[in-house]
Amino acid sequence: MRELAILRPRFGYERLHVLLRREGWRDGRNRVHRLYKLEGLQVRMRVRRRKRLSLHRGPALVPERLGQYWAMDFVHDQLDSGRGL
C-alpha cells in the first residue's frame, strides 16, 4: 500500500482500495483505511499559487466639478449612447 501511495500521492485510501482490489487483495475498505492511518499516510495538499499583488496606482482622482465622476468596468464598457466599445 505504501508503494502505491508513493506512486500516486493524490490518491486517498478509497482510491488505493480500488487499486489493491485489482491486485487481488480482498480486504475491506475499513481495514484499508485503518492501515492507511497506521502507515501515517495522507493525501498531499496541492501548493497554491500566490496571487500577484496589484501595483499601486496612486491616489484616486478628485472630481473637479459637480456631476463628474470616474468609473471602471472590467467586464464591458459602453458609450453614453449605449453603444459598446
Protein backbone atom coordinates (compact mmCIF):
# COMPACT_ATOMS: atom_id res chain seq x y z
CA MET A 1 0.00 0.00 0.00
CA ARG A 2 2.84 2.39 0.80
CA GLU A 3 4.33 1.87 -2.67
CA LEU A 4 1.03 2.73 -4.33
CA ALA A 5 0.62 5.79 -2.12
CA ILE A 6 4.12 7.00 -3.06
CA LEU A 7 3.45 6.45 -6.77
CA ARG A 8 0.12 8.28 -6.57
CA PRO A 9 0.32 10.97 -3.86
CA ARG A 10 -3.09 12.47 -4.73
CA PHE A 11 -4.93 9.18 -4.11
CA GLY A 12 -6.70 8.72 -0.80
CA TYR A 13 -7.42 5.41 0.92
CA GLU A 14 -10.59 4.79 -1.10
CA ARG A 15 -8.85 5.01 -4.46
CA LEU A 16 -5.96 2.95 -3.11
CA HIS A 17 -8.53 0.36 -2.01
CA VAL A 18 -9.72 0.06 -5.63
CA LEU A 19 -6.13 -0.42 -6.83
CA LEU A 20 -5.47 -3.03 -4.15
CA ARG A 21 -8.64 -4.94 -5.13
CA ARG A 22 -7.40 -5.01 -8.73
CA GLU A 23 -4.13 -6.54 -7.49
CA GLY A 24 -6.01 -9.29 -5.69
CA TRP A 25 -6.39 -8.02 -2.10
CA ARG A 26 -9.71 -8.95 -0.56
CA ASP A 27 -9.56 -6.67 2.49
CA GLY A 28 -12.45 -4.32 3.17
CA ARG A 29 -12.38 -0.58 2.89
CA ASN A 30 -12.39 -0.06 6.66
CA ARG A 31 -9.28 -2.21 7.07
CA VAL A 32 -7.53 -0.36 4.24
CA HIS A 33 -8.42 2.91 5.99
CA ARG A 34 -7.02 1.63 9.30
CA LEU A 35 -3.77 0.51 7.64
CA TYR A 36 -3.57 3.79 5.74
CA LYS A 37 -3.74 5.71 9.02
CA LEU A 38 -1.26 3.38 10.78
CA GLU A 39 1.26 3.97 7.98
CA GLY A 40 0.91 7.71 8.58
CA LEU A 41 -0.27 8.34 5.03
CA GLN A 42 -2.40 11.26 3.96
CA VAL A 43 -3.39 12.95 0.74
CA ARG A 44 -0.80 15.56 -0.18
CA MET A 45 -2.12 19.08 -0.32
CA ARG A 46 -1.56 20.99 -3.53
CA VAL A 47 0.60 24.06 -3.32
CA ARG A 48 -1.46 27.10 -4.16
CA ARG A 49 -0.04 29.75 -6.43
CA ARG A 50 0.42 33.11 -4.81
CA LYS A 51 -1.69 35.92 -6.16
CA ARG A 52 0.25 38.74 -7.70
CA LEU A 53 -0.01 41.94 -5.72
CA SER A 54 -1.52 44.72 -7.77
CA LEU A 55 0.63 47.72 -8.46
CA HIS A 56 -0.05 50.87 -6.50
CA ARG A 57 -1.87 53.15 -8.90
CA GLY A 58 -1.63 56.33 -6.85
CA PRO A 59 -4.40 58.32 -5.18
CA ALA A 60 -7.84 58.41 -6.77
CA LEU A 61 -8.64 61.45 -8.89
CA VAL A 62 -10.83 64.08 -7.27
CA PRO A 63 -13.81 65.35 -9.31
CA GLU A 64 -13.34 68.92 -10.49
CA ARG A 65 -17.00 69.91 -10.87
CA LEU A 66 -20.50 68.82 -9.88
CA GLY A 67 -21.70 65.59 -11.53
CA GLN A 68 -18.24 64.47 -12.58
CA TYR A 69 -17.12 61.01 -11.51
CA TRP A 70 -14.80 58.23 -12.64
CA ALA A 71 -15.91 54.67 -13.16
CA MET A 72 -14.19 51.49 -14.31
CA ASP A 73 -15.89 48.36 -15.59
CA PHE A 74 -13.69 45.37 -16.42
CA VAL A 75 -16.43 43.18 -17.87
CA HIS A 76 -17.58 45.54 -20.62
CA ASP A 77 -17.75 49.21 -21.40
CA GLN A 78 -20.17 51.38 -23.34
CA LEU A 79 -20.55 54.93 -24.54
CA ASP A 80 -23.16 57.43 -23.30
CA SER A 81 -25.31 56.50 -26.30
CA GLY A 82 -25.34 52.85 -25.14
CA ARG A 83 -23.12 51.55 -27.94
CA GLY A 84 -20.45 49.11 -26.84
CA LEU A 85 -16.77 49.66 -27.38
